[in-house]
Amino acid sequence: MAAQDKPAICIILFSGDLDKALSALALAWTAAGEGFTAHIFFTFWGLALLRAERGRDPNPLAHLFKLLLPVGPDRLGLSKMNFGGLGARLMNKLIRSRQTETVGQLLKMAMEREVHFIACRGTMEILGIKETELIKYEHLTVGEVTTFLTLAKEARIQLFI
């Protein structure tokens, strides 16, 4: 089946919370396995999952945001009951004890199924994040909101997480 013949799912990942990232990645990974073309638009705090490194910014305010925004999927907090990071540590321990996938594992699994990632250019500009700070992935593009809207217009499912 050609890519244009496949149903599509488009997800906006606005949050950098562990539980929300787990949900977005699990949905995209599963949809890709079920024959969907899956797209995730990473914006604001959701961009943390795509960061491979923490670059410097000459603007002190932007640099502060870059320092506060986690790098990668392994340092995310919970949306509820985070308790200064303790909740996230307990959740990750629970995930490991139940032998289910972590956010980092789901991110890799989504990449193996060629889920398309779109990093929001506007958010990157606001926070001073450069393309060189993002993970290396063949299906990662930096795009505008209009990039996502064009994809979502044709998608069967659109989600905001």
N, C-alpha and C. Protein backbone atom coordinates (compact mmCIF):
# COMPACT_ATOMS: atom_id res chain seq x y z
N MET A 1 0.86 -1.18 0.00
CA MET A 1 0.00 0.00 0.00
C MET A 1 0.90 1.24 0.00
N ALA A 2 0.68 2.16 -0.90
CA ALA A 2 1.45 3.38 -0.98
C ALA A 2 1.15 4.27 0.22
N ALA A 3 2.12 5.11 0.59
CA ALA A 3 1.96 5.97 1.77
C ALA A 3 0.72 6.84 1.67
N GLN A 4 0.42 7.34 0.48
CA GLN A 4 -0.76 8.20 0.34
C GLN A 4 -2.07 7.41 0.47
N ASP A 5 -2.02 6.09 0.34
CA ASP A 5 -3.21 5.26 0.48
C ASP A 5 -3.45 4.82 1.92
N LYS A 6 -2.46 5.00 2.76
CA LYS A 6 -2.57 4.58 4.15
C LYS A 6 -3.32 5.63 4.96
N PRO A 7 -4.14 5.21 5.93
CA PRO A 7 -4.75 6.20 6.82
C PRO A 7 -3.66 6.85 7.66
N ALA A 8 -3.91 8.05 8.11
CA ALA A 8 -2.90 8.78 8.88
C ALA A 8 -3.45 9.16 10.25
N ILE A 9 -2.52 9.25 11.20
CA ILE A 9 -2.81 9.78 12.53
C ILE A 9 -1.82 10.91 12.76
N CYS A 10 -2.31 12.02 13.27
CA CYS A 10 -1.48 13.19 13.56
C CYS A 10 -1.65 13.56 15.03
N ILE A 11 -0.54 13.62 15.72
CA ILE A 11 -0.54 13.90 17.15
C ILE A 11 0.28 15.16 17.41
N ILE A 12 -0.27 16.07 18.20
CA ILE A 12 0.50 17.21 18.69
C ILE A 12 0.94 16.84 20.10
N LEU A 13 2.26 16.79 20.32
CA LEU A 13 2.78 16.55 21.67
C LEU A 13 3.28 17.88 22.20
N PHE A 14 2.44 18.52 22.97
CA PHE A 14 2.71 19.83 23.56
C PHE A 14 3.41 19.66 24.91
N SER A 15 3.20 18.53 25.54
CA SER A 15 3.67 18.29 26.89
C SER A 15 4.98 17.53 26.91
N GLY A 16 5.80 17.83 27.88
CA GLY A 16 7.02 17.08 28.12
C GLY A 16 6.87 16.19 29.35
N ASP A 17 5.64 15.89 29.72
CA ASP A 17 5.39 15.04 30.89
C ASP A 17 5.55 13.57 30.51
N LEU A 18 6.12 12.80 31.39
CA LEU A 18 6.40 11.39 31.17
C LEU A 18 5.16 10.62 30.75
N ASP A 19 4.08 10.77 31.49
CA ASP A 19 2.87 10.01 31.19
C ASP A 19 2.26 10.39 29.85
N LYS A 20 2.32 11.65 29.50
CA LYS A 20 1.77 12.10 28.23
C LYS A 20 2.66 11.68 27.06
N ALA A 21 3.97 11.73 27.27
CA ALA A 21 4.89 11.27 26.23
C ALA A 21 4.73 9.77 25.99
N LEU A 22 4.55 9.00 27.07
CA LEU A 22 4.30 7.57 26.93
C LEU A 22 3.06 7.33 26.06
N SER A 23 2.00 8.06 26.34
CA SER A 23 0.76 7.89 25.59
C SER A 23 0.92 8.25 24.12
N ALA A 24 1.53 9.39 23.84
CA ALA A 24 1.70 9.82 22.45
C ALA A 24 2.54 8.84 21.66
N LEU A 25 3.64 8.41 22.24
CA LEU A 25 4.53 7.48 21.54
C LEU A 25 3.90 6.11 21.37
N ALA A 26 3.19 5.64 22.40
CA ALA A 26 2.52 4.34 22.29
C ALA A 26 1.44 4.38 21.21
N LEU A 27 0.68 5.47 21.16
CA LEU A 27 -0.35 5.60 20.12
C LEU A 27 0.26 5.64 18.72
N ALA A 28 1.31 6.42 18.54
CA ALA A 28 1.95 6.53 17.22
C ALA A 28 2.59 5.21 16.81
N TRP A 29 3.29 4.56 17.74
CA TRP A 29 3.96 3.29 17.46
C TRP A 29 2.93 2.22 17.08
N THR A 30 1.86 2.14 17.86
CA THR A 30 0.82 1.15 17.59
C THR A 30 0.13 1.43 16.26
N ALA A 31 -0.19 2.69 16.01
CA ALA A 31 -0.84 3.06 14.75
C ALA A 31 0.04 2.70 13.56
N ALA A 32 1.33 2.97 13.67
CA ALA A 32 2.26 2.62 12.58
C ALA A 32 2.28 1.11 12.35
N GLY A 33 2.18 0.36 13.43
CA GLY A 33 2.13 -1.10 13.31
C GLY A 33 0.83 -1.61 12.72
N GLU A 34 -0.21 -0.80 12.82
CA GLU A 34 -1.53 -1.19 12.29
C GLU A 34 -1.78 -0.64 10.88
N GLY A 35 -0.71 -0.13 10.26
CA GLY A 35 -0.84 0.32 8.88
C GLY A 35 -1.10 1.80 8.68
N PHE A 36 -1.05 2.58 9.74
CA PHE A 36 -1.22 4.03 9.63
C PHE A 36 0.12 4.69 9.31
N THR A 37 0.05 5.84 8.67
CA THR A 37 1.19 6.73 8.63
C THR A 37 1.03 7.62 9.86
N ALA A 38 2.02 7.61 10.73
CA ALA A 38 1.91 8.34 12.00
C ALA A 38 2.85 9.54 12.00
N HIS A 39 2.32 10.67 12.47
CA HIS A 39 3.07 11.92 12.57
C HIS A 39 2.92 12.46 13.99
N ILE A 40 4.03 12.89 14.58
CA ILE A 40 3.98 13.58 15.87
C ILE A 40 4.61 14.95 15.68
N PHE A 41 3.85 15.99 16.02
CA PHE A 41 4.33 17.37 15.99
C PHE A 41 4.75 17.73 17.41
N PHE A 42 6.05 17.89 17.62
CA PHE A 42 6.60 18.19 18.94
C PHE A 42 6.72 19.70 19.09
N THR A 43 6.02 20.24 20.08
CA THR A 43 6.07 21.68 20.30
C THR A 43 6.24 21.96 21.79
N PHE A 44 6.71 23.13 22.11
CA PHE A 44 7.03 23.57 23.46
C PHE A 44 7.67 22.45 24.27
N TRP A 45 7.12 22.04 25.36
CA TRP A 45 7.81 21.12 26.27
C TRP A 45 7.95 19.72 25.68
N GLY A 46 7.13 19.40 24.69
CA GLY A 46 7.27 18.12 24.00
C GLY A 46 8.58 18.01 23.23
N LEU A 47 9.17 19.17 22.87
CA LEU A 47 10.45 19.16 22.16
C LEU A 47 11.57 18.52 22.98
N ALA A 48 11.39 18.43 24.29
CA ALA A 48 12.42 17.83 25.15
C ALA A 48 12.78 16.43 24.67
N LEU A 49 11.81 15.70 24.16
CA LEU A 49 12.07 14.33 23.72
C LEU A 49 13.00 14.26 22.53
N LEU A 50 13.04 15.30 21.73
CA LEU A 50 13.88 15.31 20.54
C LEU A 50 15.25 15.92 20.76
N ARG A 51 15.49 16.44 21.95
CA ARG A 51 16.78 17.08 22.21
C ARG A 51 17.85 16.05 22.51
N ALA A 52 18.96 16.15 21.80
CA ALA A 52 20.10 15.26 22.03
C ALA A 52 21.15 15.95 22.89
N GLU A 53 21.14 17.27 22.88
CA GLU A 53 22.12 18.02 23.65
C GLU A 53 21.56 19.38 24.03
N ARG A 54 22.21 19.99 24.98
CA ARG A 54 21.78 21.31 25.47
C ARG A 54 22.79 22.34 24.97
N GLY A 55 22.42 23.08 23.95
CA GLY A 55 23.30 24.10 23.41
C GLY A 55 23.26 25.38 24.25
N ARG A 56 24.12 26.30 23.89
CA ARG A 56 24.16 27.58 24.59
C ARG A 56 23.37 28.61 23.79
N ASP A 57 22.89 29.63 24.49
CA ASP A 57 22.17 30.71 23.83
C ASP A 57 22.69 32.02 24.39
N PRO A 58 23.00 33.00 23.56
CA PRO A 58 23.51 34.28 24.06
C PRO A 58 22.47 35.07 24.86
N ASN A 59 21.20 34.81 24.62
CA ASN A 59 20.13 35.48 25.36
C ASN A 59 19.97 34.77 26.70
N PRO A 60 20.19 35.48 27.84
CA PRO A 60 20.13 34.81 29.14
C PRO A 60 18.78 34.16 29.45
N LEU A 61 17.69 34.79 29.03
CA LEU A 61 16.37 34.21 29.29
C LEU A 61 16.17 32.92 28.48
N ALA A 62 16.55 32.96 27.22
CA ALA A 62 16.44 31.75 26.38
C ALA A 62 17.35 30.65 26.92
N HIS A 63 18.54 31.04 27.37
CA HIS A 63 19.46 30.03 27.92
C HIS A 63 18.89 29.39 29.18
N LEU A 64 18.20 30.17 30.00
CA LEU A 64 17.56 29.63 31.20
C LEU A 64 16.52 28.57 30.82
N PHE A 65 15.70 28.86 29.82
CA PHE A 65 14.71 27.88 29.36
C PHE A 65 15.39 26.62 28.84
N LYS A 66 16.50 26.80 28.13
CA LYS A 66 17.22 25.64 27.61
C LYS A 66 17.78 24.79 28.75
N LEU A 67 18.19 25.44 29.83
CA LEU A 67 18.70 24.70 30.98
C LEU A 67 17.58 23.95 31.70
N LEU A 68 16.39 24.54 31.75
CA LEU A 68 15.27 23.93 32.46
C LEU A 68 14.57 22.83 31.65
N LEU A 69 14.61 22.95 30.32
CA LEU A 69 13.97 21.96 29.46
C LEU A 69 14.82 20.70 29.43
N PRO A 70 14.25 19.56 29.79
CA PRO A 70 15.05 18.33 29.80
C PRO A 70 15.63 18.00 28.43
N VAL A 71 16.69 17.22 28.45
CA VAL A 71 17.32 16.73 27.23
C VAL A 71 17.00 15.25 27.12
N GLY A 72 16.23 14.89 26.10
CA GLY A 72 15.90 13.50 25.88
C GLY A 72 14.76 12.99 26.74
N PRO A 73 14.41 11.73 26.54
CA PRO A 73 13.23 11.17 27.19
C PRO A 73 13.44 10.67 28.62
N ASP A 74 14.66 10.67 29.11
CA ASP A 74 14.93 10.01 30.39
C ASP A 74 14.78 10.90 31.62
N ARG A 75 14.51 12.16 31.46
CA ARG A 75 14.42 13.06 32.62
C ARG A 75 13.06 13.75 32.73
N LEU A 76 12.04 13.16 32.17
CA LEU A 76 10.72 13.78 32.19
C LEU A 76 10.03 13.56 33.53
N GLY A 77 9.23 14.56 33.95
CA GLY A 77 8.44 14.44 35.17
C GLY A 77 7.03 13.99 34.84
N LEU A 78 6.25 13.71 35.86
CA LEU A 78 4.85 13.33 35.68
C LEU A 78 3.96 14.58 35.64
N SER A 79 2.81 14.48 34.98
CA SER A 79 1.89 15.61 34.93
C SER A 79 1.17 15.78 36.26
N LYS A 80 0.96 14.72 36.99
CA LYS A 80 0.33 14.75 38.32
C LYS A 80 1.20 13.93 39.26
N MET A 81 1.23 14.30 40.50
CA MET A 81 1.96 13.57 41.54
C MET A 81 3.45 13.42 41.22
N ASN A 82 4.07 14.47 40.70
CA ASN A 82 5.50 14.40 40.39
C ASN A 82 6.35 14.50 41.65
N PHE A 83 5.91 15.28 42.61
CA PHE A 83 6.59 15.42 43.90
C PHE A 83 8.08 15.70 43.75
N GLY A 84 8.40 16.72 42.95
CA GLY A 84 9.79 17.11 42.79
C GLY A 84 10.65 16.05 42.11
N GLY A 85 10.05 15.23 41.28
CA GLY A 85 10.78 14.19 40.56
C GLY A 85 10.65 12.81 41.15
N LEU A 86 10.20 12.72 42.41
CA LEU A 86 10.04 11.42 43.05
C LEU A 86 8.98 10.58 42.33
N GLY A 87 7.88 11.22 41.94
CA GLY A 87 6.81 10.51 41.24
C GLY A 87 7.30 9.88 39.94
N ALA A 88 8.12 10.63 39.19
CA ALA A 88 8.65 10.10 37.93
C ALA A 88 9.58 8.92 38.19
N ARG A 89 10.40 9.03 39.21
CA ARG A 89 11.29 7.90 39.55
C ARG A 89 10.49 6.68 39.93
N LEU A 90 9.43 6.87 40.71
CA LEU A 90 8.58 5.74 41.10
C LEU A 90 7.86 5.15 39.88
N MET A 91 7.38 6.01 38.99
CA MET A 91 6.70 5.53 37.78
C MET A 91 7.67 4.72 36.91
N ASN A 92 8.89 5.22 36.74
CA ASN A 92 9.87 4.49 35.94
C ASN A 92 10.23 3.15 36.58
N LYS A 93 10.29 3.13 37.90
CA LYS A 93 10.55 1.86 38.60
C LYS A 93 9.38 0.89 38.37
N LEU A 94 8.17 1.40 38.43
CA LEU A 94 6.98 0.59 38.18
C LEU A 94 6.98 0.05 36.74
N ILE A 95 7.34 0.90 35.79
CA ILE A 95 7.42 0.49 34.38
C ILE A 95 8.42 -0.65 34.23
N ARG A 96 9.60 -0.50 34.83
CA ARG A 96 10.61 -1.56 34.74
C ARG A 96 10.15 -2.84 35.42
N SER A 97 9.50 -2.73 36.59
CA SER A 97 9.06 -3.92 37.31
C SER A 97 7.96 -4.67 36.56
N ARG A 98 7.17 -3.95 35.79
CA ARG A 98 6.11 -4.57 34.99
C ARG A 98 6.62 -4.98 33.60
N GLN A 99 7.89 -4.69 33.36
CA GLN A 99 8.55 -5.02 32.10
C GLN A 99 7.81 -4.43 30.90
N THR A 100 7.41 -3.17 31.04
CA THR A 100 6.82 -2.44 29.93
C THR A 100 7.83 -1.41 29.44
N GLU A 101 7.53 -0.76 28.36
CA GLU A 101 8.48 0.12 27.70
C GLU A 101 8.58 1.49 28.39
N THR A 102 9.80 1.99 28.47
CA THR A 102 10.05 3.34 28.96
C THR A 102 9.82 4.32 27.82
N VAL A 103 9.83 5.59 28.12
CA VAL A 103 9.68 6.60 27.07
C VAL A 103 10.81 6.47 26.06
N GLY A 104 12.03 6.29 26.54
CA GLY A 104 13.17 6.15 25.64
C GLY A 104 13.03 4.95 24.72
N GLN A 105 12.55 3.83 25.26
CA GLN A 105 12.35 2.64 24.43
C GLN A 105 11.23 2.86 23.42
N LEU A 106 10.15 3.49 23.84
CA LEU A 106 9.05 3.78 22.90
C LEU A 106 9.48 4.74 21.80
N LEU A 107 10.33 5.70 22.14
CA LEU A 107 10.85 6.62 21.14
C LEU A 107 11.63 5.84 20.08
N LYS A 108 12.50 4.94 20.52
CA LYS A 108 13.27 4.12 19.57
C LYS A 108 12.36 3.20 18.76
N MET A 109 11.37 2.63 19.41
CA MET A 109 10.43 1.74 18.71
C MET A 109 9.63 2.51 17.66
N ALA A 110 9.23 3.74 17.99
CA ALA A 110 8.51 4.58 17.03
C ALA A 110 9.41 4.88 15.83
N MET A 111 10.67 5.12 16.09
CA MET A 111 11.62 5.39 15.01
C MET A 111 11.80 4.14 14.13
N GLU A 112 11.81 2.98 14.74
CA GLU A 112 11.94 1.73 13.96
C GLU A 112 10.74 1.53 13.03
N ARG A 113 9.58 2.01 13.45
CA ARG A 113 8.38 1.91 12.61
C ARG A 113 8.18 3.14 11.72
N GLU A 114 9.20 3.97 11.68
CA GLU A 114 9.23 5.15 10.80
C GLU A 114 8.11 6.14 11.07
N VAL A 115 7.80 6.35 12.36
CA VAL A 115 6.88 7.42 12.73
C VAL A 115 7.56 8.74 12.37
N HIS A 116 6.82 9.63 11.75
CA HIS A 116 7.37 10.91 11.32
C HIS A 116 7.32 11.91 12.48
N PHE A 117 8.45 12.54 12.76
CA PHE A 117 8.56 13.54 13.82
C PHE A 117 8.71 14.91 13.16
N ILE A 118 7.96 15.87 13.67
CA ILE A 118 8.07 17.25 13.20
C ILE A 118 8.38 18.12 14.42
N ALA A 119 9.52 18.78 14.41
CA ALA A 119 9.89 19.71 15.47
C ALA A 119 9.36 21.09 15.08
N CYS A 120 8.66 21.73 15.99
CA CYS A 120 8.05 23.03 15.70
C CYS A 120 9.12 24.12 15.59
N ARG A 121 9.24 24.67 14.40
CA ARG A 121 10.24 25.71 14.15
C ARG A 121 10.00 26.94 15.04
N GLY A 122 8.75 27.35 15.19
CA GLY A 122 8.45 28.52 16.01
C GLY A 122 8.88 28.34 17.45
N THR A 123 8.60 27.18 18.02
CA THR A 123 9.03 26.91 19.39
C THR A 123 10.54 26.88 19.48
N MET A 124 11.18 26.28 18.50
CA MET A 124 12.65 26.24 18.50
C MET A 124 13.22 27.65 18.48
N GLU A 125 12.61 28.53 17.70
CA GLU A 125 13.09 29.92 17.64
C GLU A 125 12.88 30.63 18.97
N ILE A 126 11.72 30.43 19.58
CA ILE A 126 11.43 31.08 20.86
C ILE A 126 12.42 30.62 21.93
N LEU A 127 12.65 29.30 22.01
CA LEU A 127 13.51 28.74 23.05
C LEU A 127 14.98 28.73 22.68
N GLY A 128 15.30 29.14 21.45
CA GLY A 128 16.70 29.18 21.03
C GLY A 128 17.30 27.80 20.78
N ILE A 129 16.48 26.84 20.42
CA ILE A 129 16.95 25.48 20.15
C ILE A 129 17.35 25.39 18.68
N LYS A 130 18.55 24.93 18.44
CA LYS A 130 19.07 24.79 17.08
C LYS A 130 18.83 23.37 16.57
N GLU A 131 18.76 23.22 15.26
CA GLU A 131 18.57 21.89 14.67
C GLU A 131 19.68 20.93 15.08
N THR A 132 20.88 21.45 15.28
CA THR A 132 22.02 20.61 15.66
C THR A 132 21.86 20.01 17.06
N GLU A 133 20.93 20.55 17.85
CA GLU A 133 20.70 20.03 19.20
C GLU A 133 19.71 18.87 19.21
N LEU A 134 19.08 18.60 18.07
CA LEU A 134 18.06 17.55 17.99
C LEU A 134 18.68 16.19 17.68
N ILE A 135 17.94 15.14 17.98
CA ILE A 135 18.38 13.79 17.67
C ILE A 135 18.55 13.64 16.17
N LYS A 136 19.36 12.71 15.78
CA LYS A 136 19.55 12.40 14.37
C LYS A 136 18.55 11.30 14.01
N TYR A 137 17.66 11.62 13.07
CA TYR A 137 16.64 10.66 12.67
C TYR A 137 16.16 11.02 11.28
N GLU A 138 16.18 10.05 10.40
CA GLU A 138 15.83 10.26 9.00
C GLU A 138 14.44 10.87 8.80
N HIS A 139 13.50 10.54 9.68
CA HIS A 139 12.12 11.01 9.52
C HIS A 139 11.78 12.15 10.48
N LEU A 140 12.80 12.93 10.84
CA LEU A 140 12.61 14.13 11.67
C LEU A 140 12.79 15.34 10.77
N THR A 141 11.77 16.19 10.75
CA THR A 141 11.87 17.45 10.03
C THR A 141 11.54 18.59 10.98
N VAL A 142 12.03 19.75 10.66
CA VAL A 142 11.65 20.96 11.38
C VAL A 142 10.61 21.64 10.50
N GLY A 143 9.45 21.92 11.08
CA GLY A 143 8.39 22.48 10.26
C GLY A 143 7.55 23.51 11.00
N GLU A 144 6.71 24.12 10.26
CA GLU A 144 5.80 25.14 10.78
C GLU A 144 4.49 24.49 11.22
N VAL A 145 3.66 25.27 11.86
CA VAL A 145 2.33 24.81 12.21
C VAL A 145 1.58 24.42 10.94
N THR A 146 1.79 25.16 9.87
CA THR A 146 1.12 24.84 8.61
C THR A 146 1.54 23.47 8.08
N THR A 147 2.77 23.06 8.36
CA THR A 147 3.22 21.72 7.98
C THR A 147 2.34 20.68 8.63
N PHE A 148 2.11 20.85 9.93
CA PHE A 148 1.26 19.91 10.66
C PHE A 148 -0.18 19.98 10.17
N LEU A 149 -0.69 21.18 9.97
CA LEU A 149 -2.09 21.33 9.54
C LEU A 149 -2.34 20.68 8.18
N THR A 150 -1.38 20.77 7.28
CA THR A 150 -1.52 20.13 5.97
C THR A 150 -1.65 18.62 6.14
N LEU A 151 -0.85 18.04 7.02
CA LEU A 151 -0.93 16.60 7.29
C LEU A 151 -2.23 16.24 8.01
N ALA A 152 -2.59 17.05 9.00
CA ALA A 152 -3.78 16.75 9.82
C ALA A 152 -5.06 16.86 9.00
N LYS A 153 -5.07 17.73 8.01
CA LYS A 153 -6.28 17.92 7.18
C LYS A 153 -6.70 16.61 6.50
N GLU A 154 -5.72 15.78 6.15
CA GLU A 154 -6.00 14.53 5.47
C GLU A 154 -6.04 13.32 6.41
N ALA A 155 -5.72 13.54 7.69
CA ALA A 155 -5.63 12.42 8.64
C ALA A 155 -7.00 11.99 9.13
N ARG A 156 -7.12 10.71 9.44
CA ARG A 156 -8.36 10.18 10.03
C ARG A 156 -8.45 10.56 11.51
N ILE A 157 -7.30 10.65 12.16
CA ILE A 157 -7.28 10.90 13.61
C ILE A 157 -6.31 12.03 13.90
N GLN A 158 -6.77 12.99 14.72
CA GLN A 158 -5.93 14.07 15.20
C GLN A 158 -6.04 14.12 16.72
N LEU A 159 -4.90 14.18 17.41
CA LEU A 159 -4.89 14.20 18.86
C LEU A 159 -3.98 15.31 19.36
N PHE A 160 -4.37 15.89 20.49
CA PHE A 160 -3.55 16.91 21.16
C PHE A 160 -3.21 16.38 22.55
N ILE A 161 -1.94 16.16 22.79
CA ILE A 161 -1.52 15.59 24.08
C ILE A 161 -0.53 16.54 24.74
